[in-house]
Amino acid sequence: MNKNKKAIALMSGGLDSVLAAKIVMEQGIGVEGIHFLIGFAETKSVEQASKILRIPLHIIDVIDEFKEVVLNPVYDYGAHLNPCLDCKIFMVKKAKEWMDRHQFDFMVTGEVLGQRPKSQRRDTLNIVKRESGVGDYLLRPLSAKLLSETVPEKAGWIDREKLYGLSGRSRKPQIALAKAFNITQYQQPAGGCLLTDKKFCDRLTVLWNFRKKRDYTRDDIELLKLGRHLKPASHFRMIIGRNEKENEKLEKLKDELNGETLKTISHAGPVVLLDGEMQPQDVEFAAQIAARFSKGRDEKKVTFEFKAKNGSTRMISVKPFAAEKIQAEWYS
């Protein structure tokens, strides 16, 4: 009955989505993975997951479309700026569009009943099915025995007895199942989406307040992942590189963000991206702060190259700011 049936598996890179796909594959279903690039999660673990399963993986960029979900969630945020339920609806809806367009028969996700308090309750699992439009063509193999039958089960494509009835937040059943399937490499829980990370969300909120507008660009997302973020005045902020790799990224982002930079010349130290309307005294003040994060922090003078928005450059030599004068509330 399942001959030539195909399923699209929504892949997060975590163990649950790997197991869900594997369970369906064990029943002779052809499975391909799909992952939506939203800008707030890395793809390395997803690519690793597809290699473990030996299935094709489709990575689709939806960063611009996903912005509306972040800025105006219908079902509100979680603990930080994570619109988890809206996110799941969005992704399942996009996956359904792909599924229909490429003539796949049903969809698979790794959701576990009761694992997440906001997006994986029985009522919210039903909301995802309804609001995404996928209906009973969505199979959740890890909790299927606790949920109503789906089309793949009713049609005989999938044997319900070979599905599972997992629930709750414990990871032990999934780890045992991974061992049974001889799956030894997988992403550990937590970490994933930056919108669940307090530090990242604090930075995003500071950015919104600074610009007096709730919005972001692709470059903003990349910048929020980098360096130390300080706002020493209401009209400008600083992003200070912590290592050579971050320094290189900040120099590249300077032109794309139409910002200005300070680059340590006299000593090993950071590249600093300046964002805002900078007056000459502001640039010198920022240089004094930046000098504190250089190898010349205990010297009398540290020299920087200042590159303005118009591309012009000049040298600035400053005395490093006293450590005790750098205020904790400047950080985000």
C-alpha atoms as a PDB file:
ATOM      1  CA  MET A   1       0.000   0.000   0.000  1.00  0.00           C
ATOM      2  CA  ASN A   2       2.910   2.349   0.604  1.00  0.00           C
ATOM      3  CA  LYS A   3       4.720   1.576  -2.650  1.00  0.00           C
ATOM      4  CA  ASN A   4       6.031   4.789  -4.236  1.00  0.00           C
ATOM      5  CA  LYS A   5       4.592   6.962  -1.456  1.00  0.00           C
ATOM      6  CA  LYS A   6       6.713   9.993  -0.584  1.00  0.00           C
ATOM      7  CA  ALA A   7       6.869  12.138   2.537  1.00  0.00           C
ATOM      8  CA  ILE A   8       8.479  15.498   3.159  1.00  0.00           C
ATOM      9  CA  ALA A   9      10.061  15.736   6.624  1.00  0.00           C
ATOM     10  CA  LEU A  10      10.381  19.112   8.317  1.00  0.00           C
ATOM     11  CA  MET A  11      13.973  19.115   9.615  1.00  0.00           C
ATOM     12  CA  SER A  12      15.224  21.250  12.505  1.00  0.00           C
ATOM     13  CA  GLY A  13      18.526  19.432  12.906  1.00  0.00           C
ATOM     14  CA  GLY A  14      17.542  18.104  16.311  1.00  0.00           C
ATOM     15  CA  LEU A  15      17.127  14.469  17.307  1.00  0.00           C
ATOM     16  CA  ASP A  16      13.315  14.478  17.226  1.00  0.00           C
ATOM     17  CA  SER A  17      13.096  15.393  13.544  1.00  0.00           C
ATOM     18  CA  VAL A  18      15.784  12.832  12.688  1.00  0.00           C
ATOM     19  CA  LEU A  19      13.875  10.086  14.518  1.00  0.00           C
ATOM     20  CA  ALA A  20      10.547  11.065  12.966  1.00  0.00           C
ATOM     21  CA  ALA A  21      11.992  10.793   9.484  1.00  0.00           C
ATOM     22  CA  LYS A  22      13.750   7.511  10.312  1.00  0.00           C
ATOM     23  CA  ILE A  23      10.569   5.899  11.680  1.00  0.00           C
ATOM     24  CA  VAL A  24       8.747   6.643   8.427  1.00  0.00           C
ATOM     25  CA  MET A  25      11.683   5.499   6.302  1.00  0.00           C
ATOM     26  CA  GLU A  26      11.653   2.171   8.156  1.00  0.00           C
ATOM     27  CA  GLN A  27       8.180   1.585   6.739  1.00  0.00           C
ATOM     28  CA  GLY A  28       9.391   1.874   3.160  1.00  0.00           C
ATOM     29  CA  ILE A  29       8.334   5.470   2.548  1.00  0.00           C
ATOM     30  CA  GLY A  30      10.595   7.655   0.427  1.00  0.00           C
ATOM     31  CA  VAL A  31      11.555  10.648   2.567  1.00  0.00           C
ATOM     32  CA  GLU A  32      13.167  13.974   1.708  1.00  0.00           C
ATOM     33  CA  GLY A  33      14.001  16.704   4.195  1.00  0.00           C
ATOM     34  CA  ILE A  34      13.029  20.367   4.080  1.00  0.00           C
ATOM     35  CA  HIS A  35      14.426  23.208   6.166  1.00  0.00           C
ATOM     36  CA  PHE A  36      13.439  26.870   6.117  1.00  0.00           C
ATOM     37  CA  LEU A  37      16.194  29.411   6.566  1.00  0.00           C
ATOM     38  CA  ILE A  38      14.810  32.135   8.847  1.00  0.00           C
ATOM     39  CA  GLY A  39      18.098  33.781   9.882  1.00  0.00           C
ATOM     40  CA  PHE A  40      17.969  32.881  13.564  1.00  0.00           C
ATOM     41  CA  ALA A  41      19.274  29.304  13.421  1.00  0.00           C
ATOM     42  CA  GLU A  42      22.303  27.684  11.813  1.00  0.00           C
ATOM     43  CA  THR A  43      22.014  25.020   9.126  1.00  0.00           C
ATOM     44  CA  LYS A  44      25.067  22.892   9.947  1.00  0.00           C
ATOM     45  CA  SER A  45      23.129  20.525  12.215  1.00  0.00           C
ATOM     46  CA  VAL A  46      20.370  20.172   9.598  1.00  0.00           C
ATOM     47  CA  GLU A  47      22.877  19.247   6.928  1.00  0.00           C
ATOM     48  CA  GLN A  48      24.454  16.751   9.336  1.00  0.00           C
ATOM     49  CA  ALA A  49      21.017  15.245  10.046  1.00  0.00           C
ATOM     50  CA  SER A  50      20.299  14.710   6.355  1.00  0.00           C
ATOM     51  CA  LYS A  51      23.675  12.978   5.952  1.00  0.00           C
ATOM     52  CA  ILE A  52      22.900  10.675   8.889  1.00  0.00           C
ATOM     53  CA  LEU A  53      19.602   9.723   7.248  1.00  0.00           C
ATOM     54  CA  ARG A  54      21.081   9.730   3.728  1.00  0.00           C
ATOM     55  CA  ILE A  55      18.166  11.702   2.343  1.00  0.00           C
ATOM     56  CA  PRO A  56      17.977  14.731   0.040  1.00  0.00           C
ATOM     57  CA  LEU A  57      17.655  18.060   1.864  1.00  0.00           C
ATOM     58  CA  HIS A  58      15.946  21.181   0.526  1.00  0.00           C
ATOM     59  CA  ILE A  59      16.994  24.423   2.247  1.00  0.00           C
ATOM     60  CA  ILE A  60      14.680  27.305   1.401  1.00  0.00           C
ATOM     61  CA  ASP A  61      15.388  30.953   2.250  1.00  0.00           C
ATOM     62  CA  VAL A  62      12.334  32.599   3.848  1.00  0.00           C
ATOM     63  CA  ILE A  63      14.148  35.271   5.895  1.00  0.00           C
ATOM     64  CA  ASP A  64      12.187  38.169   4.428  1.00  0.00           C
ATOM     65  CA  GLU A  65       8.806  36.425   4.677  1.00  0.00           C
ATOM     66  CA  PHE A  66       9.483  35.297   8.240  1.00  0.00           C
ATOM     67  CA  LYS A  67       9.963  38.862   9.467  1.00  0.00           C
ATOM     68  CA  GLU A  68       6.191  39.335   9.766  1.00  0.00           C
ATOM     69  CA  VAL A  69       6.030  36.312  12.075  1.00  0.00           C
ATOM     70  CA  VAL A  70       8.692  37.801  14.365  1.00  0.00           C
ATOM     71  CA  LEU A  71       7.288  41.315  14.423  1.00  0.00           C
ATOM     72  CA  ASN A  72       3.558  40.519  14.625  1.00  0.00           C
ATOM     73  CA  PRO A  73       2.877  37.042  16.006  1.00  0.00           C
ATOM     74  CA  VAL A  74      -0.800  36.126  16.243  1.00  0.00           C
ATOM     75  CA  TYR A  75      -0.187  33.773  19.172  1.00  0.00           C
ATOM     76  CA  ASP A  76       2.301  36.013  21.004  1.00  0.00           C
ATOM     77  CA  TYR A  77       5.844  35.286  22.158  1.00  0.00           C
ATOM     78  CA  GLY A  78       7.325  32.723  24.486  1.00  0.00           C
ATOM     79  CA  ALA A  79       9.759  33.668  27.261  1.00  0.00           C
ATOM     80  CA  HIS A  80      11.677  36.046  24.962  1.00  0.00           C
ATOM     81  CA  LEU A  81      10.992  37.029  21.332  1.00  0.00           C
ATOM     82  CA  ASN A  82      10.239  33.497  20.203  1.00  0.00           C
ATOM     83  CA  PRO A  83       6.895  33.250  18.352  1.00  0.00           C
ATOM     84  CA  CYS A  84       7.003  29.450  18.549  1.00  0.00           C
ATOM     85  CA  LEU A  85       3.422  28.610  17.617  1.00  0.00           C
ATOM     86  CA  ASP A  86       3.294  31.171  14.793  1.00  0.00           C
ATOM     87  CA  CYS A  87       6.669  29.878  13.616  1.00  0.00           C
ATOM     88  CA  LYS A  88       5.467  26.277  13.465  1.00  0.00           C
ATOM     89  CA  ILE A  89       2.302  27.283  11.589  1.00  0.00           C
ATOM     90  CA  PHE A  90       4.395  29.282   9.127  1.00  0.00           C
ATOM     91  CA  MET A  91       6.838  26.456   8.470  1.00  0.00           C
ATOM     92  CA  VAL A  92       4.204  23.746   8.116  1.00  0.00           C
ATOM     93  CA  LYS A  93       2.232  25.986   5.761  1.00  0.00           C
ATOM     94  CA  LYS A  94       5.332  26.604   3.610  1.00  0.00           C
ATOM     95  CA  ALA A  95       6.150  22.896   3.673  1.00  0.00           C
ATOM     96  CA  LYS A  96       2.603  22.063   2.549  1.00  0.00           C
ATOM     97  CA  GLU A  97       2.979  24.434  -0.405  1.00  0.00           C
ATOM     98  CA  TRP A  98       6.218  22.664  -1.331  1.00  0.00           C
ATOM     99  CA  MET A  99       4.638  19.238  -0.759  1.00  0.00           C
ATOM    100  CA  ASP A 100       1.726  20.000  -3.069  1.00  0.00           C
ATOM    101  CA  ARG A 101       3.923  21.580  -5.720  1.00  0.00           C
ATOM    102  CA  HIS A 102       6.268  18.584  -5.837  1.00  0.00           C
ATOM    103  CA  GLN A 103       3.522  15.950  -5.490  1.00  0.00           C
ATOM    104  CA  PHE A 104       4.549  14.446  -2.153  1.00  0.00           C
ATOM    105  CA  ASP A 105       1.879  12.451  -0.321  1.00  0.00           C
ATOM    106  CA  PHE A 106       2.184  13.635   3.278  1.00  0.00           C
ATOM    107  CA  MET A 107       4.319  15.515   5.779  1.00  0.00           C
ATOM    108  CA  VAL A 108       6.317  14.387   8.815  1.00  0.00           C
ATOM    109  CA  THR A 109       7.416  16.443  11.830  1.00  0.00           C
ATOM    110  CA  GLY A 110       9.276  15.550  15.021  1.00  0.00           C
ATOM    111  CA  GLU A 111       6.845  17.172  17.447  1.00  0.00           C
ATOM    112  CA  VAL A 112       6.301  15.410  20.779  1.00  0.00           C
ATOM    113  CA  LEU A 113       3.083  15.946  22.730  1.00  0.00           C
ATOM    114  CA  GLY A 114       3.763  17.976  25.881  1.00  0.00           C
ATOM    115  CA  GLN A 115       7.440  18.576  25.165  1.00  0.00           C
ATOM    116  CA  ARG A 116       7.110  22.355  24.746  1.00  0.00           C
ATOM    117  CA  PRO A 117       4.620  24.209  26.931  1.00  0.00           C
ATOM    118  CA  LYS A 118       3.542  26.714  24.273  1.00  0.00           C
ATOM    119  CA  SER A 119       3.668  24.999  20.894  1.00  0.00           C
ATOM    120  CA  GLN A 120       3.349  21.262  21.603  1.00  0.00           C
ATOM    121  CA  ARG A 121       0.203  20.947  23.692  1.00  0.00           C
ATOM    122  CA  ARG A 122      -2.663  18.905  22.258  1.00  0.00           C
ATOM    123  CA  ASP A 123      -4.672  22.042  21.467  1.00  0.00           C
ATOM    124  CA  THR A 124      -1.759  23.833  19.800  1.00  0.00           C
ATOM    125  CA  LEU A 125      -0.848  20.778  17.734  1.00  0.00           C
ATOM    126  CA  ASN A 126      -4.394  20.930  16.384  1.00  0.00           C
ATOM    127  CA  ILE A 127      -4.043  24.672  15.739  1.00  0.00           C
ATOM    128  CA  VAL A 128      -0.957  23.996  13.607  1.00  0.00           C
ATOM    129  CA  LYS A 129      -2.863  21.424  11.530  1.00  0.00           C
ATOM    130  CA  ARG A 130      -5.797  23.773  11.049  1.00  0.00           C
ATOM    131  CA  GLU A 131      -4.041  27.105  10.474  1.00  0.00           C
ATOM    132  CA  SER A 132      -1.398  25.691   8.136  1.00  0.00           C
ATOM    133  CA  GLY A 133      -3.995  23.962   5.985  1.00  0.00           C
ATOM    134  CA  VAL A 134      -2.196  20.600   6.071  1.00  0.00           C
ATOM    135  CA  GLY A 135      -4.915  18.898   8.117  1.00  0.00           C
ATOM    136  CA  ASP A 136      -4.602  15.140   8.534  1.00  0.00           C
ATOM    137  CA  TYR A 137      -1.790  14.889   6.007  1.00  0.00           C
ATOM    138  CA  LEU A 138       0.576  15.781   8.863  1.00  0.00           C
ATOM    139  CA  LEU A 139       2.032  12.759  10.676  1.00  0.00           C
ATOM    140  CA  ARG A 140       3.866  13.082  14.009  1.00  0.00           C
ATOM    141  CA  PRO A 141       5.444   9.624  14.360  1.00  0.00           C
ATOM    142  CA  LEU A 142       6.871  10.113  17.859  1.00  0.00           C
ATOM    143  CA  SER A 143       3.468  10.821  19.443  1.00  0.00           C
ATOM    144  CA  ALA A 144       1.129   9.362  16.817  1.00  0.00           C
ATOM    145  CA  LYS A 145      -0.455   6.756  19.132  1.00  0.00           C
ATOM    146  CA  LEU A 146      -1.609   9.560  21.455  1.00  0.00           C
ATOM    147  CA  LEU A 147      -3.115  11.575  18.603  1.00  0.00           C
ATOM    148  CA  SER A 148      -5.960  11.021  16.157  1.00  0.00           C
ATOM    149  CA  GLU A 149      -5.319   8.917  13.064  1.00  0.00           C
ATOM    150  CA  THR A 150      -3.949  10.682  10.016  1.00  0.00           C
ATOM    151  CA  VAL A 151      -4.505  10.065   6.319  1.00  0.00           C
ATOM    152  CA  PRO A 152      -1.287   8.006   5.892  1.00  0.00           C
ATOM    153  CA  GLU A 153      -2.468   5.688   8.683  1.00  0.00           C
ATOM    154  CA  LYS A 154      -6.063   5.422   7.510  1.00  0.00           C
ATOM    155  CA  ALA A 155      -4.973   4.756   3.921  1.00  0.00           C
ATOM    156  CA  GLY A 156      -2.607   2.001   5.010  1.00  0.00           C
ATOM    157  CA  TRP A 157       0.564   3.745   3.820  1.00  0.00           C
ATOM    158  CA  ILE A 158       1.812   3.694   7.433  1.00  0.00           C
ATOM    159  CA  ASP A 159       1.316   0.995  10.070  1.00  0.00           C
ATOM    160  CA  ARG A 160       0.120   2.799  13.191  1.00  0.00           C
ATOM    161  CA  GLU A 161       1.377  -0.038  15.403  1.00  0.00           C
ATOM    162  CA  LYS A 162       4.934   0.770  14.355  1.00  0.00           C
ATOM    163  CA  LEU A 163       4.593   4.394  15.459  1.00  0.00           C
ATOM    164  CA  TYR A 164       5.176   5.692  18.998  1.00  0.00           C
ATOM    165  CA  GLY A 165       3.296   7.275  21.885  1.00  0.00           C
ATOM    166  CA  LEU A 166       5.930   9.551  23.448  1.00  0.00           C
ATOM    167  CA  SER A 167       4.955  12.543  25.559  1.00  0.00           C
ATOM    168  CA  GLY A 168       6.473  14.971  28.029  1.00  0.00           C
ATOM    169  CA  ARG A 169       9.832  16.680  28.301  1.00  0.00           C
ATOM    170  CA  SER A 170      12.080  13.716  29.098  1.00  0.00           C
ATOM    171  CA  ARG A 171      14.661  12.979  26.421  1.00  0.00           C
ATOM    172  CA  LYS A 172      15.374   9.430  27.586  1.00  0.00           C
ATOM    173  CA  PRO A 173      12.912   7.693  25.221  1.00  0.00           C
ATOM    174  CA  GLN A 174      14.332   9.536  22.204  1.00  0.00           C
ATOM    175  CA  ILE A 175      17.908   8.731  23.219  1.00  0.00           C
ATOM    176  CA  ALA A 176      16.975   5.052  23.624  1.00  0.00           C
ATOM    177  CA  LEU A 177      15.260   5.082  20.240  1.00  0.00           C
ATOM    178  CA  ALA A 178      18.314   6.700  18.626  1.00  0.00           C
ATOM    179  CA  LYS A 179      20.451   3.924  20.068  1.00  0.00           C
ATOM    180  CA  ALA A 180      18.076   1.317  18.675  1.00  0.00           C
ATOM    181  CA  PHE A 181      18.383   2.922  15.231  1.00  0.00           C
ATOM    182  CA  ASN A 182      22.179   3.156  15.659  1.00  0.00           C
ATOM    183  CA  ILE A 183      22.039   6.951  15.425  1.00  0.00           C
ATOM    184  CA  THR A 184      24.969   8.233  17.465  1.00  0.00           C
ATOM    185  CA  GLN A 185      25.535  11.773  16.157  1.00  0.00           C
ATOM    186  CA  TYR A 186      22.837  14.351  16.711  1.00  0.00           C
ATOM    187  CA  GLN A 187      22.348  17.869  18.014  1.00  0.00           C
ATOM    188  CA  GLN A 188      21.870  18.174  21.749  1.00  0.00           C
ATOM    189  CA  PRO A 189      18.650  19.892  22.906  1.00  0.00           C
ATOM    190  CA  ALA A 190      18.619  23.663  23.599  1.00  0.00           C
ATOM    191  CA  GLY A 191      20.630  26.272  21.775  1.00  0.00           C
ATOM    192  CA  GLY A 192      18.819  26.234  18.407  1.00  0.00           C
ATOM    193  CA  CYS A 193      16.859  29.409  17.725  1.00  0.00           C
ATOM    194  CA  LEU A 194      18.382  32.756  18.701  1.00  0.00           C
ATOM    195  CA  LEU A 195      14.909  34.126  19.421  1.00  0.00           C
ATOM    196  CA  THR A 196      14.898  31.941  22.550  1.00  0.00           C
ATOM    197  CA  ASP A 197      18.247  33.426  23.675  1.00  0.00           C
ATOM    198  CA  LYS A 198      17.881  36.274  26.194  1.00  0.00           C
ATOM    199  CA  LYS A 199      21.134  38.003  25.274  1.00  0.00           C
ATOM    200  CA  PHE A 200      20.329  38.052  21.565  1.00  0.00           C
ATOM    201  CA  CYS A 201      16.763  39.262  22.202  1.00  0.00           C
ATOM    202  CA  ASP A 202      18.018  42.004  24.525  1.00  0.00           C
ATOM    203  CA  ARG A 203      20.284  43.216  21.738  1.00  0.00           C
ATOM    204  CA  LEU A 204      17.420  43.167  19.248  1.00  0.00           C
ATOM    205  CA  THR A 205      15.206  45.129  21.645  1.00  0.00           C
ATOM    206  CA  VAL A 206      17.972  47.720  22.178  1.00  0.00           C
ATOM    207  CA  LEU A 207      18.285  48.035  18.395  1.00  0.00           C
ATOM    208  CA  TRP A 208      14.559  48.651  18.045  1.00  0.00           C
ATOM    209  CA  ASN A 209      14.600  51.271  20.792  1.00  0.00           C
ATOM    210  CA  PHE A 210      17.684  52.913  19.289  1.00  0.00           C
ATOM    211  CA  ARG A 211      16.086  53.188  15.848  1.00  0.00           C
ATOM    212  CA  LYS A 212      12.628  53.901  17.273  1.00  0.00           C
ATOM    213  CA  LYS A 213      11.251  51.259  14.921  1.00  0.00           C
ATOM    214  CA  ARG A 214      10.567  47.530  15.226  1.00  0.00           C
ATOM    215  CA  ASP A 215      12.302  46.186  12.161  1.00  0.00           C
ATOM    216  CA  TYR A 216      15.484  44.411  11.115  1.00  0.00           C
ATOM    217  CA  THR A 217      17.484  43.457   8.047  1.00  0.00           C
ATOM    218  CA  ARG A 218      19.541  40.387   7.198  1.00  0.00           C
ATOM    219  CA  ASP A 219      22.690  42.352   8.052  1.00  0.00           C
ATOM    220  CA  ASP A 220      21.201  43.346  11.405  1.00  0.00           C
ATOM    221  CA  ILE A 221      20.734  39.683  12.289  1.00  0.00           C
ATOM    222  CA  GLU A 222      24.378  38.934  11.483  1.00  0.00           C
ATOM    223  CA  LEU A 223      25.559  41.967  13.434  1.00  0.00           C
ATOM    224  CA  LEU A 224      23.545  41.024  16.510  1.00  0.00           C
ATOM    225  CA  LYS A 225      25.442  37.718  16.630  1.00  0.00           C
ATOM    226  CA  LEU A 226      28.826  39.464  16.769  1.00  0.00           C
ATOM    227  CA  GLY A 227      31.036  41.110  19.362  1.00  0.00           C
ATOM    228  CA  ARG A 228      30.284  43.212  22.409  1.00  0.00           C
ATOM    229  CA  HIS A 229      27.394  45.658  22.027  1.00  0.00           C
ATOM    230  CA  LEU A 230      27.571  48.943  23.951  1.00  0.00           C
ATOM    231  CA  LYS A 231      25.336  52.026  23.834  1.00  0.00           C
ATOM    232  CA  PRO A 232      27.272  54.763  25.704  1.00  0.00           C
ATOM    233  CA  ALA A 233      24.906  57.512  24.501  1.00  0.00           C
ATOM    234  CA  SER A 234      21.353  57.709  23.236  1.00  0.00           C
ATOM    235  CA  HIS A 235      22.440  58.678  19.716  1.00  0.00           C
ATOM    236  CA  PHE A 236      25.125  56.086  18.955  1.00  0.00           C
ATOM    237  CA  ARG A 237      26.093  52.516  19.678  1.00  0.00           C
ATOM    238  CA  MET A 238      29.270  50.433  19.343  1.00  0.00           C
ATOM    239  CA  ILE A 239      29.859  46.853  18.244  1.00  0.00           C
ATOM    240  CA  ILE A 240      33.314  45.745  19.348  1.00  0.00           C
ATOM    241  CA  GLY A 241      35.003  42.748  17.741  1.00  0.00           C
ATOM    242  CA  ARG A 242      36.267  40.082  20.148  1.00  0.00           C
ATOM    243  CA  ASN A 243      38.666  38.265  17.819  1.00  0.00           C
ATOM    244  CA  GLU A 244      40.174  38.394  14.335  1.00  0.00           C
ATOM    245  CA  LYS A 245      37.243  36.592  12.711  1.00  0.00           C
ATOM    246  CA  GLU A 246      34.719  39.041  14.167  1.00  0.00           C
ATOM    247  CA  ASN A 247      36.936  41.978  13.191  1.00  0.00           C
ATOM    248  CA  GLU A 248      36.880  40.818   9.566  1.00  0.00           C
ATOM    249  CA  LYS A 249      33.090  40.456   9.595  1.00  0.00           C
ATOM    250  CA  LEU A 250      32.615  43.920  11.111  1.00  0.00           C
ATOM    251  CA  GLU A 251      34.774  45.524   8.425  1.00  0.00           C
ATOM    252  CA  LYS A 252      32.678  43.839   5.729  1.00  0.00           C
ATOM    253  CA  LEU A 253      29.403  44.905   7.343  1.00  0.00           C
ATOM    254  CA  LYS A 254      30.544  48.528   7.628  1.00  0.00           C
ATOM    255  CA  ASP A 255      29.726  49.360   4.008  1.00  0.00           C
ATOM    256  CA  GLU A 256      26.535  47.321   3.922  1.00  0.00           C
ATOM    257  CA  LEU A 257      25.206  49.090   7.033  1.00  0.00           C
ATOM    258  CA  ASN A 258      26.555  52.514   6.055  1.00  0.00           C
ATOM    259  CA  GLY A 259      28.364  52.699   9.379  1.00  0.00           C
ATOM    260  CA  GLU A 260      31.744  53.969  10.531  1.00  0.00           C
ATOM    261  CA  THR A 261      34.650  52.029  11.999  1.00  0.00           C
ATOM    262  CA  LEU A 262      37.502  52.369  14.425  1.00  0.00           C
ATOM    263  CA  LYS A 263      40.419  50.004  13.811  1.00  0.00           C
ATOM    264  CA  THR A 264      43.197  49.603  16.379  1.00  0.00           C
ATOM    265  CA  ILE A 265      46.553  50.463  14.761  1.00  0.00           C
ATOM    266  CA  SER A 266      49.140  50.840  17.531  1.00  0.00           C
ATOM    267  CA  HIS A 267      48.311  47.639  19.382  1.00  0.00           C
ATOM    268  CA  ALA A 268      46.486  44.371  18.830  1.00  0.00           C
ATOM    269  CA  GLY A 269      42.836  45.126  19.374  1.00  0.00           C
ATOM    270  CA  PRO A 270      39.321  45.304  18.036  1.00  0.00           C
ATOM    271  CA  VAL A 271      37.579  46.681  15.018  1.00  0.00           C
ATOM    272  CA  VAL A 272      34.628  48.723  16.231  1.00  0.00           C
ATOM    273  CA  LEU A 273      31.542  49.430  14.160  1.00  0.00           C
ATOM    274  CA  LEU A 274      29.875  52.727  15.068  1.00  0.00           C
ATOM    275  CA  ASP A 275      26.187  53.169  14.367  1.00  0.00           C
ATOM    276  CA  GLY A 276      24.500  56.543  14.710  1.00  0.00           C
ATOM    277  CA  GLU A 277      25.091  60.206  13.972  1.00  0.00           C
ATOM    278  CA  MET A 278      28.598  60.685  15.319  1.00  0.00           C
ATOM    279  CA  GLN A 279      30.101  64.045  16.237  1.00  0.00           C
ATOM    280  CA  PRO A 280      33.928  64.381  16.486  1.00  0.00           C
ATOM    281  CA  GLN A 281      33.769  64.257  20.291  1.00  0.00           C
ATOM    282  CA  ASP A 282      31.641  61.090  20.081  1.00  0.00           C
ATOM    283  CA  VAL A 283      34.249  59.370  17.915  1.00  0.00           C
ATOM    284  CA  GLU A 284      37.000  60.223  20.397  1.00  0.00           C
ATOM    285  CA  PHE A 285      34.844  59.035  23.298  1.00  0.00           C
ATOM    286  CA  ALA A 286      34.155  55.753  21.473  1.00  0.00           C
ATOM    287  CA  ALA A 287      37.882  55.336  20.777  1.00  0.00           C
ATOM    288  CA  GLN A 288      38.687  55.751  24.480  1.00  0.00           C
ATOM    289  CA  ILE A 289      36.197  53.004  25.313  1.00  0.00           C
ATOM    290  CA  ALA A 290      37.472  50.756  22.510  1.00  0.00           C
ATOM    291  CA  ALA A 291      41.073  51.209  23.714  1.00  0.00           C
ATOM    292  CA  ARG A 292      40.023  49.513  26.930  1.00  0.00           C
ATOM    293  CA  PHE A 293      39.489  46.320  24.935  1.00  0.00           C
ATOM    294  CA  SER A 294      42.901  46.452  23.200  1.00  0.00           C
ATOM    295  CA  LYS A 295      46.348  45.219  24.220  1.00  0.00           C
ATOM    296  CA  GLY A 296      47.198  48.863  24.921  1.00  0.00           C
ATOM    297  CA  ARG A 297      44.645  49.201  27.702  1.00  0.00           C
ATOM    298  CA  ASP A 298      47.418  50.032  30.230  1.00  0.00           C
ATOM    299  CA  GLU A 299      49.361  52.367  27.896  1.00  0.00           C
ATOM    300  CA  LYS A 300      49.168  56.146  27.814  1.00  0.00           C
ATOM    301  CA  LYS A 301      47.949  56.254  24.220  1.00  0.00           C
ATOM    302  CA  VAL A 302      46.266  53.923  21.741  1.00  0.00           C
ATOM    303  CA  THR A 303      45.964  54.858  18.073  1.00  0.00           C
ATOM    304  CA  PHE A 304      42.985  54.044  15.863  1.00  0.00           C
ATOM    305  CA  GLU A 305      42.177  54.503  12.203  1.00  0.00           C
ATOM    306  CA  PHE A 306      38.741  56.064  11.908  1.00  0.00           C
ATOM    307  CA  LYS A 307      36.903  55.403   8.646  1.00  0.00           C
ATOM    308  CA  ALA A 308      33.899  57.642   8.010  1.00  0.00           C
ATOM    309  CA  LYS A 309      30.754  56.846   6.028  1.00  0.00           C
ATOM    310  CA  ASN A 310      32.129  58.666   2.984  1.00  0.00           C
ATOM    311  CA  GLY A 311      35.254  56.486   2.990  1.00  0.00           C
ATOM    312  CA  SER A 312      37.655  59.138   4.308  1.00  0.00           C
ATOM    313  CA  THR A 313      40.089  58.110   7.046  1.00  0.00           C
ATOM    314  CA  ARG A 314      42.034  59.808   9.839  1.00  0.00           C
ATOM    315  CA  MET A 315      44.134  58.738  12.807  1.00  0.00           C
ATOM    316  CA  ILE A 316      42.974  59.213  16.405  1.00  0.00           C
ATOM    317  CA  SER A 317      45.207  58.723  19.448  1.00  0.00           C
ATOM    318  CA  VAL A 318      43.468  58.519  22.817  1.00  0.00           C
ATOM    319  CA  LYS A 319      44.065  57.592  26.416  1.00  0.00           C
ATOM    320  CA  PRO A 320      42.217  54.367  27.299  1.00  0.00           C
ATOM    321  CA  PHE A 321      39.064  54.816  29.315  1.00  0.00           C
ATOM    322  CA  ALA A 322      39.305  53.804  32.966  1.00  0.00           C
ATOM    323  CA  ALA A 323      37.757  50.349  33.436  1.00  0.00           C
ATOM    324  CA  GLU A 324      35.564  51.498  36.317  1.00  0.00           C
ATOM    325  CA  LYS A 325      33.989  54.182  34.112  1.00  0.00           C
ATOM    326  CA  ILE A 326      32.547  51.646  31.663  1.00  0.00           C
ATOM    327  CA  GLN A 327      28.994  51.270  32.893  1.00  0.00           C
ATOM    328  CA  ALA A 328      27.201  47.940  33.030  1.00  0.00           C
ATOM    329  CA  GLU A 329      24.009  49.445  31.600  1.00  0.00           C
ATOM    330  CA  TRP A 330      25.824  50.242  28.355  1.00  0.00           C
ATOM    331  CA  TYR A 331      26.015  46.549  27.517  1.00  0.00           C
ATOM    332  CA  SER A 332      23.417  44.496  25.699  1.00  0.00           C
END
